[in-house]
């Protein structure tokens, strides 16, 4: 479990009133997902399995949807191959095993695209109603699902299909998601303040995947006009809009538009279908082998920014009941929030109001002078910090933590885990006694 999953876990475990209060302050964009997980934990508090089970089921549903799209557009063999390719993508597998909303959004967008095709091929209104409702729900799970409307508009333009019924459904989706958009816009600085503008590596990754999709769509013997008109906009338009918009206001993370991979899977499935049967089977096997190292890598803690489980286990080994605990920076409090029993046995020296009481994810902290006073009154402190080399927050509260530890404490042990460090500090006593205390702790 990494920090984002820890946030999901502790938010979904809050009483309903406090969860709604949190969403009024931050993370409204994930509100419907947190409410879903709140219901899951109410029925069965199964730890990591319960946390991740909705994502596993949603990914299976998304893969089935890719298969249904491929079948409708180019036949059952294309559908099966496209669904298999989608499941083989390492990114698909990563978010299938993560307690966040992106797999559910992908399933919603894929099946909404399927309903779009059924609506285009039918005179009935039921398909369009289903399309609008499903896509509105997907947007409430994460509002960037709305970018797929631009991809669907391009699909209609490429296929020269009438726009009226789609326009009514799309307008309904936008009206339905408008309240969420207004609330999340007010929270944008708190929600996305950690993001910078897209790096060169992000641009190259986007361009490389787009170029691969364009290549598959342009090979004469492999191309199919209808499938290309659906798959290529789905692959390029949502991430293209998001990464370009991030030049003005940083908001691009590839997982926000994970559903775009369904477009690449459709194009790959069609390409494999156009090959002779024996070559197609061999190509799928080679693809699986080529992606195997990446598929194994996303199943390791190193595939995430940190390892909350390892942090908690280390704190449990190094700490004693009543020890002071300090988070540098304060937002790293999320590392222990999912372990209430462990957290309760420590004295959080900087905490003013708990996350639940303050309607925040990490709680609010005391003034710098008060933090310093409480630190100086504590003989032993467990500090949870970022790895070496990470930028340091310039806020007075963070500065006083670092300065007081440096001037009045001695480090007695440091354990590095993935994405974090757990450091034991002892208050400087009379000369000559500190070394004995550190050595004693190290022997234990």
Protein backbone atom coordinates (compact mmCIF):
# COMPACT_ATOMS: atom_id res chain seq x y z
CA UNK A 1 0.00 0.00 0.00
CA UNK A 2 1.34 3.42 -0.92
CA UNK A 3 0.37 6.91 0.26
CA UNK A 4 -2.60 7.45 -2.09
CA UNK A 5 -4.12 4.12 -1.08
CA UNK A 6 -3.54 5.03 2.56
CA UNK A 7 -5.56 8.20 1.97
CA UNK A 8 -8.36 6.14 0.41
CA UNK A 9 -8.32 3.74 3.34
CA UNK A 10 -8.50 6.35 6.08
CA UNK A 11 -11.02 8.55 4.23
CA UNK A 12 -13.36 5.64 3.52
CA UNK A 13 -13.23 4.54 7.17
CA UNK A 14 -14.49 7.90 8.46
CA UNK A 15 -18.08 8.17 9.66
CA UNK A 16 -20.33 9.35 6.85
CA UNK A 17 -20.79 12.85 8.29
CA UNK A 18 -17.05 13.41 8.66
CA UNK A 19 -16.40 11.98 5.20
CA UNK A 20 -18.83 14.46 3.67
CA UNK A 21 -17.18 17.26 5.66
CA UNK A 22 -13.80 16.22 4.23
CA UNK A 23 -15.16 16.31 0.69
CA UNK A 24 -16.36 19.85 1.26
CA UNK A 25 -12.77 20.82 2.03
CA UNK A 26 -10.67 18.64 -0.32
CA UNK A 27 -10.81 15.55 -2.56
CA UNK A 28 -14.35 16.14 -3.84
CA UNK A 29 -13.07 14.78 -7.16
CA UNK A 30 -12.76 11.38 -5.43
CA UNK A 31 -15.92 11.76 -3.39
CA UNK A 32 -18.12 9.17 -5.07
CA UNK A 33 -15.28 6.66 -4.99
CA UNK A 34 -14.71 7.22 -1.27
CA UNK A 35 -18.43 6.73 -0.66
CA UNK A 36 -18.31 3.46 -2.59
CA UNK A 37 -15.36 2.25 -0.50
CA UNK A 38 -17.15 3.42 2.65
CA UNK A 39 -19.95 1.04 1.72
CA UNK A 40 -17.50 -1.77 0.94
CA UNK A 41 -15.82 -1.43 4.33
CA UNK A 42 -19.20 -1.26 6.05
CA UNK A 43 -20.09 -4.62 4.54
CA UNK A 44 -16.65 -6.20 4.92
CA UNK A 45 -13.56 -4.56 6.37
CA UNK A 46 -11.16 -6.90 4.64
CA UNK A 47 -8.04 -4.73 4.65
CA UNK A 48 -6.06 -4.49 1.44
CA UNK A 49 -8.19 -7.12 -0.30
CA UNK A 50 -11.37 -5.12 0.32
CA UNK A 51 -9.58 -1.90 -0.62
CA UNK A 52 -8.48 -3.25 -3.99
CA UNK A 53 -11.32 -5.60 -4.89
CA UNK A 54 -13.44 -2.91 -6.64
CA UNK A 55 -10.46 -2.06 -8.87
CA UNK A 56 -9.89 -5.73 -9.72
CA UNK A 57 -13.54 -6.20 -10.68
CA UNK A 58 -13.61 -2.91 -12.61
CA UNK A 59 -10.53 -3.91 -14.64
CA UNK A 60 -12.12 -7.23 -15.52
CA UNK A 61 -15.22 -5.32 -16.61
CA UNK A 62 -13.12 -2.88 -18.63
CA UNK A 63 -11.29 -5.70 -20.41
CA UNK A 64 -14.66 -7.27 -21.23
CA UNK A 65 -15.81 -3.90 -22.56
CA UNK A 66 -12.77 -3.60 -24.82
CA UNK A 67 -13.58 -7.08 -26.08
CA UNK A 68 -17.20 -6.09 -26.72
CA UNK A 69 -16.09 -2.96 -28.60
CA UNK A 70 -13.65 -4.91 -30.77
CA UNK A 71 -16.29 -7.54 -31.50
CA UNK A 72 -18.87 -4.95 -32.57
CA UNK A 73 -16.40 -3.00 -34.70
CA UNK A 74 -14.42 -5.77 -36.39
CA UNK A 75 -15.55 -9.21 -35.27
CA UNK A 76 -15.13 -11.59 -32.32
CA UNK A 77 -11.48 -12.44 -32.96
CA UNK A 78 -10.51 -8.77 -32.92
CA UNK A 79 -12.54 -8.37 -29.73
CA UNK A 80 -10.84 -11.25 -27.94
CA UNK A 81 -7.38 -10.10 -29.00
CA UNK A 82 -8.07 -6.48 -28.03
CA UNK A 83 -9.33 -7.55 -24.60
CA UNK A 84 -6.25 -9.72 -24.06
CA UNK A 85 -3.89 -6.93 -25.12
CA UNK A 86 -5.64 -4.48 -22.80
CA UNK A 87 -5.18 -6.89 -19.89
CA UNK A 88 -1.50 -7.31 -20.75
CA UNK A 89 -0.69 -3.60 -20.49
CA UNK A 90 1.38 -3.05 -17.32
CA UNK A 91 -0.55 0.17 -16.57
CA UNK A 92 -3.83 -1.78 -16.67
CA UNK A 93 -2.41 -4.30 -14.22
CA UNK A 94 -1.00 -1.61 -11.94
CA UNK A 95 -4.32 0.16 -11.43
CA UNK A 96 -6.19 -3.13 -11.19
CA UNK A 97 -4.29 -3.73 -7.96
CA UNK A 98 -4.61 -0.23 -6.52
CA UNK A 99 -7.24 1.20 -4.20
CA UNK A 100 -7.94 4.29 -6.29
CA UNK A 101 -10.67 5.27 -8.74
CA UNK A 102 -8.90 4.94 -12.10
CA UNK A 103 -9.92 1.36 -12.91
CA UNK A 104 -13.58 2.19 -12.23
CA UNK A 105 -13.37 5.27 -14.47
CA UNK A 106 -11.84 3.16 -17.24
CA UNK A 107 -14.63 0.60 -17.04
CA UNK A 108 -17.25 3.35 -17.16
CA UNK A 109 -15.69 5.10 -20.17
CA UNK A 110 -15.18 1.86 -22.12
CA UNK A 111 -18.77 0.73 -21.67
CA UNK A 112 -20.08 4.23 -22.38
CA UNK A 113 -18.18 4.07 -25.68
CA UNK A 114 -19.88 0.75 -26.39
CA UNK A 115 -23.29 2.32 -25.69
CA UNK A 116 -22.35 5.17 -28.02
CA UNK A 117 -21.86 2.68 -30.85
CA UNK A 118 -25.14 0.96 -30.06
CA UNK A 119 -26.90 4.30 -30.08
CA UNK A 120 -25.44 5.19 -33.48
CA UNK A 121 -26.72 1.91 -34.88
CA UNK A 122 -30.20 2.05 -33.37
CA UNK A 123 -33.26 4.25 -33.66
CA UNK A 124 -34.16 3.72 -30.00
CA UNK A 125 -33.41 6.24 -27.26
CA UNK A 126 -32.55 3.72 -24.58
CA UNK A 127 -28.93 3.40 -25.67
CA UNK A 128 -28.44 7.16 -25.52
CA UNK A 129 -30.00 7.37 -22.06
CA UNK A 130 -27.71 4.60 -20.86
CA UNK A 131 -24.75 6.36 -22.46
CA UNK A 132 -25.50 9.62 -20.69
CA UNK A 133 -26.15 8.05 -17.28
CA UNK A 134 -23.09 5.80 -17.35
CA UNK A 135 -20.75 8.55 -18.51
CA UNK A 136 -22.15 10.95 -15.90
CA UNK A 137 -21.44 8.39 -13.18
CA UNK A 138 -17.91 7.88 -14.54
CA UNK A 139 -17.36 11.64 -14.43
CA UNK A 140 -18.50 11.76 -10.82
CA UNK A 141 -15.99 9.02 -10.00
CA UNK A 142 -13.33 11.24 -11.60
CA UNK A 143 -14.23 14.35 -13.54
CA UNK A 144 -11.49 13.96 -16.18
CA UNK A 145 -13.63 11.18 -17.65
CA UNK A 146 -15.51 14.08 -19.28
CA UNK A 147 -12.59 14.51 -21.71
CA UNK A 148 -13.83 11.43 -23.54
CA UNK A 149 -16.74 13.55 -24.82
CA UNK A 150 -14.23 15.33 -27.08
CA UNK A 151 -12.99 11.96 -28.35
CA UNK A 152 -16.55 10.84 -29.05
CA UNK A 153 -17.26 14.10 -30.87
CA UNK A 154 -14.28 13.45 -33.13
CA UNK A 155 -15.51 9.90 -33.72
CA UNK A 156 -18.86 11.24 -34.92
CA UNK A 157 -17.09 13.74 -37.20
CA UNK A 158 -14.84 11.06 -38.72
CA UNK A 159 -17.79 8.74 -39.31
CA UNK A 160 -20.02 11.60 -40.56
CA UNK A 161 -22.77 10.57 -38.19
CA UNK A 162 -25.62 12.81 -36.95
CA UNK A 163 -24.90 14.76 -33.78
CA UNK A 164 -28.32 15.59 -32.37
CA UNK A 165 -28.95 12.70 -30.01
CA UNK A 166 -25.33 12.55 -28.95
CA UNK A 167 -25.37 16.29 -28.30
CA UNK A 168 -28.39 15.96 -26.00
CA UNK A 169 -26.74 13.12 -24.08
CA UNK A 170 -23.41 14.97 -23.86
CA UNK A 171 -25.14 18.11 -22.60
CA UNK A 172 -26.85 16.03 -19.94
CA UNK A 173 -23.47 14.65 -18.83
CA UNK A 174 -21.98 18.14 -18.56
CA UNK A 175 -24.97 19.44 -16.59
CA UNK A 176 -24.79 16.45 -14.25
CA UNK A 177 -21.08 16.87 -13.55
CA UNK A 178 -21.18 20.68 -13.29
CA UNK A 179 -21.63 20.76 -9.47
CA UNK A 180 -18.57 18.57 -9.02
CA UNK A 181 -16.59 20.74 -11.43
CA UNK A 182 -17.47 23.89 -9.46
CA UNK A 183 -16.52 22.34 -6.11
CA UNK A 184 -13.29 20.80 -7.36
CA UNK A 185 -12.28 24.04 -9.07
CA UNK A 186 -12.42 25.74 -5.65
CA UNK A 187 -10.23 22.95 -4.26
CA UNK A 188 -7.79 22.91 -7.18
CA UNK A 189 -4.91 24.64 -5.39
CA UNK A 190 -5.05 22.18 -2.50
CA UNK A 191 -5.81 19.22 -4.76
CA UNK A 192 -3.21 19.70 -7.50
CA UNK A 193 -0.70 21.99 -5.85
CA UNK A 194 1.90 19.21 -5.85
CA UNK A 195 1.87 18.97 -9.66
CA UNK A 196 4.36 20.66 -11.95
CA UNK A 197 4.15 21.15 -15.68
CA UNK A 198 4.63 18.02 -17.82
CA UNK A 199 8.23 16.93 -18.07
CA UNK A 200 10.02 16.05 -21.29
CA UNK A 201 9.67 12.36 -20.41
CA UNK A 202 5.87 12.76 -20.11
CA UNK A 203 5.70 14.47 -23.50
CA UNK A 204 7.86 11.78 -25.10
CA UNK A 205 5.73 9.00 -23.62
CA UNK A 206 2.53 10.63 -24.87
CA UNK A 207 3.98 11.21 -28.33
CA UNK A 208 5.39 7.68 -28.55
CA UNK A 209 2.06 6.03 -27.67
CA UNK A 210 0.18 8.35 -30.04
CA UNK A 211 2.66 7.60 -32.84
CA UNK A 212 2.21 3.86 -32.29
CA UNK A 213 -1.54 4.25 -32.56
CA UNK A 214 -1.22 6.34 -35.74
CA UNK A 215 1.14 3.75 -37.23
CA UNK A 216 -1.28 0.91 -36.56
CA UNK A 217 -4.14 2.91 -38.05
CA UNK A 218 -2.22 3.80 -41.24
CA UNK A 219 -0.97 0.38 -42.33
CA UNK A 220 -3.28 -0.32 -45.30
CA UNK A 221 -3.63 -4.05 -44.74
CA UNK A 222 -4.32 -3.60 -41.02
CA UNK A 223 -6.60 -0.57 -40.98
CA UNK A 224 -10.34 -0.44 -40.50
CA UNK A 225 -12.07 2.92 -40.94
CA UNK A 226 -14.78 2.47 -38.32
CA UNK A 227 -12.56 0.98 -35.64
CA UNK A 228 -9.90 3.62 -36.26
CA UNK A 229 -12.48 6.39 -35.95
CA UNK A 230 -13.37 5.09 -32.49
CA UNK A 231 -9.97 3.97 -31.21
CA UNK A 232 -7.65 6.73 -32.37
CA UNK A 233 -9.56 9.67 -30.81
CA UNK A 234 -9.97 7.64 -27.61
CA UNK A 235 -6.20 7.08 -27.51
CA UNK A 236 -5.03 10.60 -28.37
CA UNK A 237 -7.66 13.23 -27.58
CA UNK A 238 -8.16 12.93 -23.75
CA UNK A 239 -4.45 12.75 -22.83
CA UNK A 240 -3.63 15.30 -25.54
CA UNK A 241 -6.09 17.82 -24.11
CA UNK A 242 -4.93 17.21 -20.55
CA UNK A 243 -1.20 17.46 -21.23
CA UNK A 244 -1.64 20.55 -23.40
CA UNK A 245 -3.86 22.22 -20.83
CA UNK A 246 -1.17 21.55 -18.24
CA UNK A 247 1.02 24.13 -19.94
CA UNK A 248 -1.35 26.71 -18.45
CA UNK A 249 -2.48 24.96 -15.25
CA UNK A 250 -0.60 21.79 -14.21
CA UNK A 251 -3.06 18.91 -14.05
CA UNK A 252 -1.54 16.10 -16.14
CA UNK A 253 -0.95 12.66 -14.68
CA UNK A 254 -1.24 9.74 -17.08
CA UNK A 255 -3.43 7.71 -14.71
CA UNK A 256 -6.10 10.42 -14.88
CA UNK A 257 -6.75 9.29 -18.47
CA UNK A 258 -5.92 5.62 -18.08
CA UNK A 259 -8.96 4.76 -20.19
CA UNK A 260 -7.14 6.02 -23.30
CA UNK A 261 -5.27 2.70 -23.39
CA UNK A 262 -8.49 1.04 -24.54
CA UNK A 263 -7.98 2.80 -27.89
CA UNK A 264 -4.48 1.35 -28.27
CA UNK A 265 -5.76 -2.11 -27.33
CA UNK A 266 -8.44 -1.93 -30.04
CA UNK A 267 -5.90 -0.96 -32.70
CA UNK A 268 -3.51 -3.69 -31.56
CA UNK A 269 -6.31 -6.27 -31.52
CA UNK A 270 -7.25 -5.40 -35.09
CA UNK A 271 -3.62 -5.60 -36.21
CA UNK A 272 -3.21 -9.02 -34.63
CA UNK A 273 -6.48 -10.18 -36.21
CA UNK A 274 -5.23 -9.23 -39.67
CA UNK A 275 -2.21 -11.51 -39.29
CA UNK A 276 -2.45 -15.21 -40.19
CA UNK A 277 -3.79 -17.21 -37.25
CA UNK A 278 -0.48 -18.83 -36.31
CA UNK A 279 1.38 -15.53 -36.53
CA UNK A 280 -1.28 -13.80 -34.44
CA UNK A 281 -0.95 -16.38 -31.67
CA UNK A 282 2.83 -16.10 -31.78
CA UNK A 283 2.64 -12.30 -31.66
CA UNK A 284 0.42 -12.38 -28.56
CA UNK A 285 2.84 -14.75 -26.83
CA UNK A 286 5.80 -12.54 -27.76
CA UNK A 287 3.96 -9.47 -26.50
CA UNK A 288 3.23 -11.18 -23.20
CA UNK A 289 6.89 -12.17 -22.84
CA UNK A 290 8.09 -8.70 -23.77
CA UNK A 291 5.81 -7.10 -21.18
CA UNK A 292 6.50 -9.70 -18.48
CA UNK A 293 9.33 -7.76 -16.76
CA UNK A 294 7.14 -4.66 -16.55
CA UNK A 295 4.17 -6.74 -15.39
CA UNK A 296 6.28 -8.20 -12.59
CA UNK A 297 7.70 -4.77 -11.73
CA UNK A 298 4.26 -3.25 -11.08
CA UNK A 299 3.71 -5.94 -8.46
CA UNK A 300 6.60 -4.70 -6.33
CA UNK A 301 6.65 -1.86 -3.77
CA UNK A 302 9.21 -0.09 -5.96
CA UNK A 303 6.55 0.57 -8.59
CA UNK A 304 4.96 3.12 -6.22
CA UNK A 305 6.37 6.27 -4.64
CA UNK A 306 6.56 4.68 -1.20
CA UNK A 307 5.60 1.66 0.85
CA UNK A 308 3.24 2.52 3.69
CA UNK A 309 3.22 -1.06 5.01
CA UNK A 310 7.01 -1.10 5.33
CA UNK A 311 6.95 2.29 7.09
CA UNK A 312 4.39 1.06 9.62
CA UNK A 313 6.28 -2.18 10.26
CA UNK A 314 9.49 -0.25 10.84
CA UNK A 315 7.82 2.18 13.24
CA UNK A 316 6.33 -0.76 15.13
CA UNK A 317 9.79 -2.31 15.55
CA UNK A 318 11.61 0.86 16.55
CA UNK A 319 9.05 2.64 18.72
CA UNK A 320 8.02 2.30 22.34
CA UNK A 321 4.63 3.29 23.73
CA UNK A 322 4.64 7.00 24.53
CA UNK A 323 7.42 7.92 22.13
CA UNK A 324 7.00 11.20 20.33
CA UNK A 325 6.38 11.02 16.59
CA UNK A 326 7.17 13.75 14.12
CA UNK A 327 6.26 13.92 10.42
CA UNK A 328 8.63 15.83 8.16
CA UNK A 329 6.78 17.17 6.22
CA UNK A 330 3.35 17.12 7.88
CA UNK A 331 1.65 15.50 4.88
CA UNK A 332 3.59 12.29 5.61
CA UNK A 333 1.16 11.76 8.49
CA UNK A 334 -0.77 9.76 5.91
CA UNK A 335 1.83 6.98 6.33
CA UNK A 336 0.43 6.05 9.76
CA UNK A 337 -3.21 7.12 9.39
CA UNK A 338 -4.19 3.67 8.13
CA UNK A 339 -2.75 2.05 11.26
CA UNK A 340 -4.79 3.66 14.07
CA UNK A 341 -3.63 1.23 16.77
CA UNK A 342 0.02 1.91 16.04
CA UNK A 343 -0.53 5.65 15.70
CA UNK A 344 -2.46 5.82 18.97
CA UNK A 345 0.46 4.50 21.02
CA UNK A 346 2.67 7.41 19.89
CA UNK A 347 2.51 11.06 20.91
CA UNK A 348 2.09 13.22 17.79
CA UNK A 349 4.12 16.24 18.89
CA UNK A 350 3.02 18.67 16.17
CA UNK A 351 -0.67 17.81 15.82
CA UNK A 352 -3.22 20.47 16.69
CA UNK A 353 -6.38 18.91 15.27
CA UNK A 354 -6.77 15.42 13.88
CA UNK A 355 -7.53 14.87 10.18
CA UNK A 356 -11.14 13.97 10.91
CA UNK A 357 -11.72 16.90 13.29
CA UNK A 358 -10.11 19.39 10.91
CA UNK A 359 -11.87 18.02 7.79
CA UNK A 360 -8.49 17.44 6.16
CA UNK A 361 -6.40 14.47 5.04
CA UNK A 362 -3.36 15.12 7.24
CA UNK A 363 -4.68 17.22 10.11
CA UNK A 364 -3.56 20.69 11.17
CA UNK A 365 -0.38 21.45 13.10
CA UNK A 366 0.52 23.60 16.08
CA UNK A 367 2.41 26.91 15.76
CA UNK A 368 6.18 26.62 15.40
CA UNK A 369 6.95 27.79 18.97
CA UNK A 370 4.58 25.23 20.47
CA UNK A 371 6.08 22.43 18.39
CA UNK A 372 9.53 23.39 19.65
CA UNK A 373 8.37 23.41 23.28
CA UNK A 374 6.75 19.99 22.99
CA UNK A 375 9.81 18.57 21.25
CA UNK A 376 12.15 19.79 23.98
CA UNK A 377 9.96 18.09 26.60
CA UNK A 378 10.18 14.70 24.83
CA UNK A 379 13.12 12.38 25.52
CA UNK A 380 12.70 10.15 22.47
CA UNK A 381 11.29 10.93 19.03
CA UNK A 382 10.48 8.80 15.99
CA UNK A 383 10.77 10.98 12.88
CA UNK A 384 9.21 9.95 9.57
CA UNK A 385 10.87 11.74 6.67
CA UNK A 386 11.19 11.69 2.92
CA UNK A 387 14.31 10.06 1.40
CA UNK A 388 17.50 12.11 1.23
CA UNK A 389 17.62 14.63 -1.58
CA UNK A 390 13.93 15.54 -1.56
CA UNK A 391 13.04 19.27 -1.40
CA UNK A 392 12.36 20.59 2.11
CA UNK A 393 9.20 22.54 2.87
CA UNK A 394 10.05 26.15 3.80
CA UNK A 395 7.17 26.64 6.25
CA UNK A 396 8.06 27.80 9.80
CA UNK A 397 6.56 24.66 11.35
CA UNK A 398 8.77 22.43 9.21
CA UNK A 399 11.87 24.54 9.75
CA UNK A 400 11.52 24.45 13.53
CA UNK A 401 11.17 20.65 13.50
CA UNK A 402 14.42 20.24 11.58
CA UNK A 403 16.31 22.85 13.58
CA UNK A 404 15.24 21.54 16.99
CA UNK A 405 16.15 17.97 16.11
CA UNK A 406 19.52 19.09 14.79
CA UNK A 407 20.41 21.25 17.79
CA UNK A 408 18.91 19.36 20.75
CA UNK A 409 18.72 15.71 19.69
CA UNK A 410 21.12 13.06 18.48
CA UNK A 411 20.28 10.51 15.85
CA UNK A 412 20.40 6.97 17.24
CA UNK A 413 19.19 4.96 14.30
CA UNK A 414 17.96 5.33 10.74
CA UNK A 415 16.07 2.77 8.69
CA UNK A 416 15.51 3.44 5.01
CA UNK A 417 12.48 1.82 3.40
CA UNK A 418 11.13 2.42 -0.06
CA UNK A 419 10.23 6.09 -0.42
CA UNK A 420 10.73 6.94 3.26
CA UNK A 421 13.04 7.00 6.26
CA UNK A 422 12.30 6.22 9.91
CA UNK A 423 14.79 7.96 12.20
CA UNK A 424 15.14 7.55 15.98
CA UNK A 425 16.26 10.64 17.91
CA UNK A 426 17.18 10.89 21.60
CA UNK A 427 17.19 14.12 23.55
CA UNK A 428 20.72 15.20 24.49
CA UNK A 429 21.15 14.47 28.20
CA UNK A 430 24.13 15.11 30.43
CA UNK A 431 27.52 14.53 28.73
CA UNK A 432 28.57 10.90 28.58
CA UNK A 433 25.19 9.20 28.87
CA UNK A 434 23.93 9.59 25.28
CA UNK A 435 26.26 7.03 23.72
CA UNK A 436 25.15 4.38 26.21
CA UNK A 437 21.48 4.99 25.42
CA UNK A 438 22.06 4.78 21.65
CA UNK A 439 24.19 1.65 21.92
CA UNK A 440 21.58 0.00 24.14
CA UNK A 441 18.87 0.69 21.62
CA UNK A 442 20.99 -0.60 18.76
CA UNK A 443 21.73 -3.84 20.61
CA UNK A 444 18.01 -4.40 21.10
